[in-house]
Amino acid sequence: MNSSLFSFIILCSFISTCLSDSGNLQDACPTNMTAKETVFVNGFPCKNPSNIISPDFKNSDLNQTGDTDNIHCSAVNIVTAAGFPGLNTLGLSIARTDLEIDGMVIPHSHPRASELFFLKQGVVLAGFIDTNNTLFQAFIEEGDVFLFPRGLFHFCVNAGFEPVTAFSVLSSQNPGVVSISGAMFETNSELIHSITRRLISVPVSQLKHISNTTMPKFSRIQLQ
């Protein structure tokens, strides 16, 4: 084999390993919550296989509605391997989003994960902005799924007459969160809403497809 080709294959394999969560080398590797880390690794120490039990694979942290008493009328609760031992080494996290009427999750990104957003209740305007500054957005209803690609700024807005409940699966056990407000300036509701209006626009024609939308009353969103 040509030496340069061999080197290229090795390099690609190395990059692939570095850019994704490590593959699993055994059936399961629940987080050892009591272990003292003397060597820091990319993940969490595993339990002794003989000590793995069924509760390691169950979590109830997403049972309850989140605290939406804030300026955005929203709550997002992400559960990772740090709190759900069974997720360790599987490259997955889960999340719950709650939105009051006219609530929103401000634009943010997950630098290490794509997100599948499943809407359990309500109507949502969901979208993301790609690296060409192109906006992709859609109204989604109960049972719909929307995909937020890894690393891209995305958002969701309650566009209905009732509270929203949604669940997400993220493709990393530690997805990370970068928000516009946290990265660029102190939290300021008017400033955040001004930027959001610039990011999100809704053609009025789209509203005809959703019978129970409140978007005409939603002052944060620009109607075209």
C-alpha atoms as a PDB file:
ATOM      1  CA  MET A   1       0.000   0.000   0.000  1.00  0.00           C
ATOM      2  CA  ASN A   2       1.237   3.454  -0.831  1.00  0.00           C
ATOM      3  CA  SER A   3       2.706   4.988   2.338  1.00  0.00           C
ATOM      4  CA  SER A   4       0.947   8.324   1.833  1.00  0.00           C
ATOM      5  CA  LEU A   5      -2.420   6.546   1.413  1.00  0.00           C
ATOM      6  CA  PHE A   6      -1.770   4.507   4.548  1.00  0.00           C
ATOM      7  CA  SER A   7      -0.949   7.684   6.486  1.00  0.00           C
ATOM      8  CA  PHE A   8      -4.134   9.328   5.223  1.00  0.00           C
ATOM      9  CA  ILE A   9      -6.277   6.378   6.390  1.00  0.00           C
ATOM     10  CA  ILE A  10      -4.651   6.485   9.834  1.00  0.00           C
ATOM     11  CA  LEU A  11      -5.246  10.245  10.030  1.00  0.00           C
ATOM     12  CA  CYS A  12      -8.922   9.892   9.061  1.00  0.00           C
ATOM     13  CA  SER A  13      -9.402   7.175  11.682  1.00  0.00           C
ATOM     14  CA  PHE A  14      -7.780   9.366  14.317  1.00  0.00           C
ATOM     15  CA  ILE A  15      -9.952  12.381  13.405  1.00  0.00           C
ATOM     16  CA  SER A  16     -13.110  10.244  13.431  1.00  0.00           C
ATOM     17  CA  THR A  17     -12.251   8.984  16.901  1.00  0.00           C
ATOM     18  CA  CYS A  18     -11.608  12.483  18.219  1.00  0.00           C
ATOM     19  CA  LEU A  19     -14.741  14.041  16.750  1.00  0.00           C
ATOM     20  CA  SER A  20     -17.305  11.633  18.202  1.00  0.00           C
ATOM     21  CA  ASP A  21     -18.145   9.994  21.493  1.00  0.00           C
ATOM     22  CA  SER A  22     -16.049   6.873  21.995  1.00  0.00           C
ATOM     23  CA  GLY A  23     -17.565   3.580  20.899  1.00  0.00           C
ATOM     24  CA  ASN A  24     -18.725   1.104  23.517  1.00  0.00           C
ATOM     25  CA  LEU A  25     -16.453  -1.874  24.207  1.00  0.00           C
ATOM     26  CA  GLN A  26     -18.981  -3.796  26.309  1.00  0.00           C
ATOM     27  CA  ASP A  27     -22.756  -4.183  26.632  1.00  0.00           C
ATOM     28  CA  ALA A  28     -23.119  -1.410  29.184  1.00  0.00           C
ATOM     29  CA  CYS A  29     -20.877   0.779  31.310  1.00  0.00           C
ATOM     30  CA  PRO A  30     -22.987   2.649  33.913  1.00  0.00           C
ATOM     31  CA  THR A  31     -21.310   5.597  35.608  1.00  0.00           C
ATOM     32  CA  ASN A  32     -19.623   4.784  38.902  1.00  0.00           C
ATOM     33  CA  MET A  33     -20.963   7.657  41.025  1.00  0.00           C
ATOM     34  CA  THR A  34     -18.695   6.869  43.976  1.00  0.00           C
ATOM     35  CA  ALA A  35     -15.383   6.512  42.156  1.00  0.00           C
ATOM     36  CA  LYS A  36     -12.655   9.062  42.896  1.00  0.00           C
ATOM     37  CA  GLU A  37     -11.004  10.080  39.650  1.00  0.00           C
ATOM     38  CA  THR A  38      -7.221  10.075  39.927  1.00  0.00           C
ATOM     39  CA  VAL A  39      -6.913  10.060  36.137  1.00  0.00           C
ATOM     40  CA  PHE A  40      -9.245  12.336  34.163  1.00  0.00           C
ATOM     41  CA  VAL A  41     -10.780  10.653  31.127  1.00  0.00           C
ATOM     42  CA  ASN A  42     -13.184  11.722  28.376  1.00  0.00           C
ATOM     43  CA  GLY A  43     -16.277  10.413  30.151  1.00  0.00           C
ATOM     44  CA  PHE A  44     -16.936   8.810  33.515  1.00  0.00           C
ATOM     45  CA  PRO A  45     -15.475   5.745  35.263  1.00  0.00           C
ATOM     46  CA  CYS A  46     -17.526   2.587  34.832  1.00  0.00           C
ATOM     47  CA  LYS A  47     -19.001   0.431  37.544  1.00  0.00           C
ATOM     48  CA  ASN A  48     -17.663  -3.025  38.099  1.00  0.00           C
ATOM     49  CA  PRO A  49     -19.790  -5.243  35.775  1.00  0.00           C
ATOM     50  CA  SER A  50     -20.710  -7.421  38.727  1.00  0.00           C
ATOM     51  CA  ASN A  51     -22.242  -4.379  40.474  1.00  0.00           C
ATOM     52  CA  ILE A  52     -24.482  -3.243  37.585  1.00  0.00           C
ATOM     53  CA  ILE A  53     -28.182  -3.256  38.550  1.00  0.00           C
ATOM     54  CA  SER A  54     -31.480  -2.544  36.760  1.00  0.00           C
ATOM     55  CA  PRO A  55     -31.980   0.935  38.354  1.00  0.00           C
ATOM     56  CA  ASP A  56     -28.823   2.067  36.515  1.00  0.00           C
ATOM     57  CA  PHE A  57     -30.962   2.066  33.351  1.00  0.00           C
ATOM     58  CA  LYS A  58     -33.992   3.964  34.699  1.00  0.00           C
ATOM     59  CA  ASN A  59     -34.355   7.700  35.290  1.00  0.00           C
ATOM     60  CA  SER A  60     -37.342   9.766  36.462  1.00  0.00           C
ATOM     61  CA  ASP A  61     -35.828  13.276  36.289  1.00  0.00           C
ATOM     62  CA  LEU A  62     -38.047  14.253  33.340  1.00  0.00           C
ATOM     63  CA  ASN A  63     -41.353  13.291  34.983  1.00  0.00           C
ATOM     64  CA  GLN A  64     -42.176  16.751  36.276  1.00  0.00           C
ATOM     65  CA  THR A  65     -42.834  20.063  34.513  1.00  0.00           C
ATOM     66  CA  GLY A  66     -39.843  22.395  34.669  1.00  0.00           C
ATOM     67  CA  ASP A  67     -39.833  25.824  36.317  1.00  0.00           C
ATOM     68  CA  THR A  68     -41.104  28.239  33.651  1.00  0.00           C
ATOM     69  CA  ASP A  69     -41.293  31.246  35.991  1.00  0.00           C
ATOM     70  CA  ASN A  70     -38.707  33.315  34.102  1.00  0.00           C
ATOM     71  CA  ILE A  71     -38.540  35.998  31.407  1.00  0.00           C
ATOM     72  CA  HIS A  72     -38.674  33.383  28.633  1.00  0.00           C
ATOM     73  CA  CYS A  73     -41.548  31.379  30.179  1.00  0.00           C
ATOM     74  CA  SER A  74     -39.589  28.202  29.448  1.00  0.00           C
ATOM     75  CA  ALA A  75     -37.608  25.427  31.090  1.00  0.00           C
ATOM     76  CA  VAL A  76     -35.149  22.912  29.660  1.00  0.00           C
ATOM     77  CA  ASN A  77     -33.876  20.003  31.745  1.00  0.00           C
ATOM     78  CA  ILE A  78     -31.036  17.947  30.239  1.00  0.00           C
ATOM     79  CA  VAL A  79     -30.147  14.558  31.732  1.00  0.00           C
ATOM     80  CA  THR A  80     -26.651  13.257  30.988  1.00  0.00           C
ATOM     81  CA  ALA A  81     -24.511  10.353  32.116  1.00  0.00           C
ATOM     82  CA  ALA A  82     -23.613  12.392  35.187  1.00  0.00           C
ATOM     83  CA  GLY A  83     -27.142  11.841  36.519  1.00  0.00           C
ATOM     84  CA  PHE A  84     -28.281   8.785  34.554  1.00  0.00           C
ATOM     85  CA  PRO A  85     -25.579   6.088  34.955  1.00  0.00           C
ATOM     86  CA  GLY A  86     -26.861   3.868  32.131  1.00  0.00           C
ATOM     87  CA  LEU A  87     -26.088   6.537  29.516  1.00  0.00           C
ATOM     88  CA  ASN A  88     -22.355   6.379  30.147  1.00  0.00           C
ATOM     89  CA  THR A  89     -20.340   5.534  26.969  1.00  0.00           C
ATOM     90  CA  LEU A  90     -23.504   5.256  24.836  1.00  0.00           C
ATOM     91  CA  GLY A  91     -23.179   8.733  23.309  1.00  0.00           C
ATOM     92  CA  LEU A  92     -26.680   9.830  24.330  1.00  0.00           C
ATOM     93  CA  SER A  93     -28.402  12.430  26.497  1.00  0.00           C
ATOM     94  CA  ILE A  94     -32.090  13.202  26.965  1.00  0.00           C
ATOM     95  CA  ALA A  95     -33.943  16.426  27.693  1.00  0.00           C
ATOM     96  CA  ARG A  96     -37.374  17.836  28.475  1.00  0.00           C
ATOM     97  CA  THR A  97     -38.597  21.252  27.302  1.00  0.00           C
ATOM     98  CA  ASP A  98     -41.592  23.049  28.832  1.00  0.00           C
ATOM     99  CA  LEU A  99     -43.023  26.250  27.347  1.00  0.00           C
ATOM    100  CA  GLU A 100     -45.839  28.359  28.698  1.00  0.00           C
ATOM    101  CA  ILE A 101     -48.083  30.223  26.233  1.00  0.00           C
ATOM    102  CA  ASP A 102     -45.862  32.660  24.270  1.00  0.00           C
ATOM    103  CA  GLY A 103     -42.830  30.987  25.864  1.00  0.00           C
ATOM    104  CA  MET A 104     -39.595  30.408  23.963  1.00  0.00           C
ATOM    105  CA  VAL A 105     -36.206  28.752  24.181  1.00  0.00           C
ATOM    106  CA  ILE A 106     -33.751  31.406  23.035  1.00  0.00           C
ATOM    107  CA  PRO A 107     -31.292  30.580  20.212  1.00  0.00           C
ATOM    108  CA  HIS A 108     -28.542  28.264  21.427  1.00  0.00           C
ATOM    109  CA  SER A 109     -26.368  25.434  20.135  1.00  0.00           C
ATOM    110  CA  HIS A 110     -24.951  22.104  21.302  1.00  0.00           C
ATOM    111  CA  PRO A 111     -21.316  21.969  20.154  1.00  0.00           C
ATOM    112  CA  ARG A 112     -21.047  18.197  20.598  1.00  0.00           C
ATOM    113  CA  ALA A 113     -24.497  16.906  19.616  1.00  0.00           C
ATOM    114  CA  SER A 114     -27.357  16.885  17.139  1.00  0.00           C
ATOM    115  CA  GLU A 115     -30.830  16.939  18.689  1.00  0.00           C
ATOM    116  CA  LEU A 116     -34.044  15.123  17.798  1.00  0.00           C
ATOM    117  CA  PHE A 117     -36.903  17.211  19.199  1.00  0.00           C
ATOM    118  CA  PHE A 118     -40.172  15.282  19.752  1.00  0.00           C
ATOM    119  CA  LEU A 119     -43.305  17.311  20.503  1.00  0.00           C
ATOM    120  CA  LYS A 120     -45.616  15.584  22.987  1.00  0.00           C
ATOM    121  CA  GLN A 121     -48.112  18.413  23.509  1.00  0.00           C
ATOM    122  CA  GLY A 122     -48.890  21.747  21.862  1.00  0.00           C
ATOM    123  CA  VAL A 123     -47.824  23.624  18.733  1.00  0.00           C
ATOM    124  CA  VAL A 124     -44.262  24.896  18.264  1.00  0.00           C
ATOM    125  CA  LEU A 125     -42.362  26.987  15.755  1.00  0.00           C
ATOM    126  CA  ALA A 126     -38.935  25.298  15.645  1.00  0.00           C
ATOM    127  CA  GLY A 127     -35.951  26.234  13.545  1.00  0.00           C
ATOM    128  CA  PHE A 128     -32.199  26.558  13.120  1.00  0.00           C
ATOM    129  CA  ILE A 129     -29.723  28.707  11.196  1.00  0.00           C
ATOM    130  CA  ASP A 130     -26.980  27.053   9.142  1.00  0.00           C
ATOM    131  CA  THR A 131     -23.462  28.288   8.408  1.00  0.00           C
ATOM    132  CA  ASN A 132     -24.719  30.094   5.292  1.00  0.00           C
ATOM    133  CA  ASN A 133     -27.062  32.129   7.501  1.00  0.00           C
ATOM    134  CA  THR A 134     -30.054  30.316   5.995  1.00  0.00           C
ATOM    135  CA  LEU A 135     -33.047  29.914   8.273  1.00  0.00           C
ATOM    136  CA  PHE A 136     -34.846  26.543   8.346  1.00  0.00           C
ATOM    137  CA  GLN A 137     -38.043  26.520  10.390  1.00  0.00           C
ATOM    138  CA  ALA A 138     -41.394  24.775  10.593  1.00  0.00           C
ATOM    139  CA  PHE A 139     -44.527  24.601  12.672  1.00  0.00           C
ATOM    140  CA  ILE A 140     -44.715  21.220  14.384  1.00  0.00           C
ATOM    141  CA  GLU A 141     -47.660  19.628  16.160  1.00  0.00           C
ATOM    142  CA  GLU A 142     -48.166  16.775  18.624  1.00  0.00           C
ATOM    143  CA  GLY A 143     -46.253  13.685  17.534  1.00  0.00           C
ATOM    144  CA  ASP A 144     -43.967  15.552  15.120  1.00  0.00           C
ATOM    145  CA  VAL A 145     -40.170  15.431  15.287  1.00  0.00           C
ATOM    146  CA  PHE A 146     -37.764  18.208  14.270  1.00  0.00           C
ATOM    147  CA  LEU A 147     -33.999  17.810  13.833  1.00  0.00           C
ATOM    148  CA  PHE A 148     -31.467  20.369  15.071  1.00  0.00           C
ATOM    149  CA  PRO A 149     -28.053  19.602  13.474  1.00  0.00           C
ATOM    150  CA  ARG A 150     -24.972  19.556  15.643  1.00  0.00           C
ATOM    151  CA  GLY A 151     -23.397  22.892  16.482  1.00  0.00           C
ATOM    152  CA  LEU A 152     -26.044  25.098  14.795  1.00  0.00           C
ATOM    153  CA  PHE A 153     -28.027  27.759  16.617  1.00  0.00           C
ATOM    154  CA  HIS A 154     -31.637  26.672  17.054  1.00  0.00           C
ATOM    155  CA  PHE A 155     -34.762  27.800  18.870  1.00  0.00           C
ATOM    156  CA  CYS A 156     -38.373  26.917  19.613  1.00  0.00           C
ATOM    157  CA  VAL A 157     -41.404  29.075  20.351  1.00  0.00           C
ATOM    158  CA  ASN A 158     -44.793  28.092  21.746  1.00  0.00           C
ATOM    159  CA  ALA A 159     -47.163  28.953  18.886  1.00  0.00           C
ATOM    160  CA  GLY A 160     -50.339  27.512  20.389  1.00  0.00           C
ATOM    161  CA  PHE A 161     -53.022  28.168  22.995  1.00  0.00           C
ATOM    162  CA  GLU A 162     -51.719  25.686  25.580  1.00  0.00           C
ATOM    163  CA  PRO A 163     -48.465  24.852  27.382  1.00  0.00           C
ATOM    164  CA  VAL A 164     -45.924  22.826  25.405  1.00  0.00           C
ATOM    165  CA  THR A 165     -44.150  19.653  26.462  1.00  0.00           C
ATOM    166  CA  ALA A 166     -41.362  18.214  24.324  1.00  0.00           C
ATOM    167  CA  PHE A 167     -38.655  15.586  24.748  1.00  0.00           C
ATOM    168  CA  SER A 168     -35.290  15.405  23.022  1.00  0.00           C
ATOM    169  CA  VAL A 169     -32.564  12.851  22.385  1.00  0.00           C
ATOM    170  CA  LEU A 170     -29.066  14.272  21.871  1.00  0.00           C
ATOM    171  CA  SER A 171     -26.200  12.418  20.214  1.00  0.00           C
ATOM    172  CA  SER A 172     -23.631  12.921  22.970  1.00  0.00           C
ATOM    173  CA  GLN A 173     -23.467  12.041  26.630  1.00  0.00           C
ATOM    174  CA  ASN A 174     -22.197  15.600  27.206  1.00  0.00           C
ATOM    175  CA  PRO A 175     -23.747  17.813  24.469  1.00  0.00           C
ATOM    176  CA  GLY A 176     -22.835  21.186  25.974  1.00  0.00           C
ATOM    177  CA  VAL A 177     -24.884  24.377  25.569  1.00  0.00           C
ATOM    178  CA  VAL A 178     -23.841  27.709  24.065  1.00  0.00           C
ATOM    179  CA  SER A 179     -26.527  30.414  24.217  1.00  0.00           C
ATOM    180  CA  ILE A 180     -26.499  33.804  22.534  1.00  0.00           C
ATOM    181  CA  SER A 181     -27.139  35.617  25.803  1.00  0.00           C
ATOM    182  CA  GLY A 182     -24.464  33.750  27.740  1.00  0.00           C
ATOM    183  CA  ALA A 183     -21.825  34.011  25.022  1.00  0.00           C
ATOM    184  CA  MET A 184     -22.301  37.630  23.947  1.00  0.00           C
ATOM    185  CA  PHE A 185     -23.856  39.771  26.641  1.00  0.00           C
ATOM    186  CA  GLU A 186     -25.574  39.855  30.012  1.00  0.00           C
ATOM    187  CA  THR A 187     -29.146  38.601  30.157  1.00  0.00           C
ATOM    188  CA  ASN A 188     -31.411  41.400  28.946  1.00  0.00           C
ATOM    189  CA  SER A 189     -34.921  40.474  27.860  1.00  0.00           C
ATOM    190  CA  GLU A 190     -35.398  43.361  25.416  1.00  0.00           C
ATOM    191  CA  LEU A 191     -32.018  42.775  23.776  1.00  0.00           C
ATOM    192  CA  ILE A 192     -32.641  39.035  23.455  1.00  0.00           C
ATOM    193  CA  HIS A 193     -36.106  39.609  21.987  1.00  0.00           C
ATOM    194  CA  SER A 194     -34.704  42.135  19.510  1.00  0.00           C
ATOM    195  CA  ILE A 195     -32.151  39.622  18.240  1.00  0.00           C
ATOM    196  CA  THR A 196     -34.792  36.883  18.140  1.00  0.00           C
ATOM    197  CA  ARG A 197     -37.068  39.042  15.973  1.00  0.00           C
ATOM    198  CA  ARG A 198     -34.192  39.428  13.508  1.00  0.00           C
ATOM    199  CA  LEU A 199     -33.541  35.679  13.453  1.00  0.00           C
ATOM    200  CA  ILE A 200     -37.109  34.438  13.151  1.00  0.00           C
ATOM    201  CA  SER A 201     -39.673  35.486  10.577  1.00  0.00           C
ATOM    202  CA  VAL A 202     -42.918  33.741   9.666  1.00  0.00           C
ATOM    203  CA  PRO A 203     -44.748  34.139   6.346  1.00  0.00           C
ATOM    204  CA  VAL A 204     -48.410  34.750   7.147  1.00  0.00           C
ATOM    205  CA  SER A 205     -49.303  32.062   4.583  1.00  0.00           C
ATOM    206  CA  GLN A 206     -47.794  29.427   6.873  1.00  0.00           C
ATOM    207  CA  LEU A 207     -50.223  30.308   9.637  1.00  0.00           C
ATOM    208  CA  LYS A 208     -53.140  28.971   7.591  1.00  0.00           C
ATOM    209  CA  HIS A 209     -51.798  25.427   7.999  1.00  0.00           C
ATOM    210  CA  ILE A 210     -52.046  25.561  11.815  1.00  0.00           C
ATOM    211  CA  SER A 211     -55.579  26.128  13.083  1.00  0.00           C
ATOM    212  CA  ASN A 212     -54.705  26.733  16.742  1.00  0.00           C
ATOM    213  CA  THR A 213     -51.738  29.066  16.411  1.00  0.00           C
ATOM    214  CA  THR A 214     -51.352  32.303  18.373  1.00  0.00           C
ATOM    215  CA  MET A 215     -48.541  33.657  16.218  1.00  0.00           C
ATOM    216  CA  PRO A 216     -50.431  36.813  15.102  1.00  0.00           C
ATOM    217  CA  LYS A 217     -50.442  37.834  18.789  1.00  0.00           C
ATOM    218  CA  PHE A 218     -46.803  36.877  19.370  1.00  0.00           C
ATOM    219  CA  SER A 219     -45.020  40.217  19.472  1.00  0.00           C
ATOM    220  CA  ARG A 220     -41.517  38.713  19.479  1.00  0.00           C
ATOM    221  CA  ILE A 221     -41.908  37.239  16.016  1.00  0.00           C
ATOM    222  CA  GLN A 222     -41.862  39.198  12.783  1.00  0.00           C
ATOM    223  CA  LEU A 223     -44.708  38.315  10.421  1.00  0.00           C
ATOM    224  CA  GLN A 224     -43.974  38.728   6.720  1.00  0.00           C
END
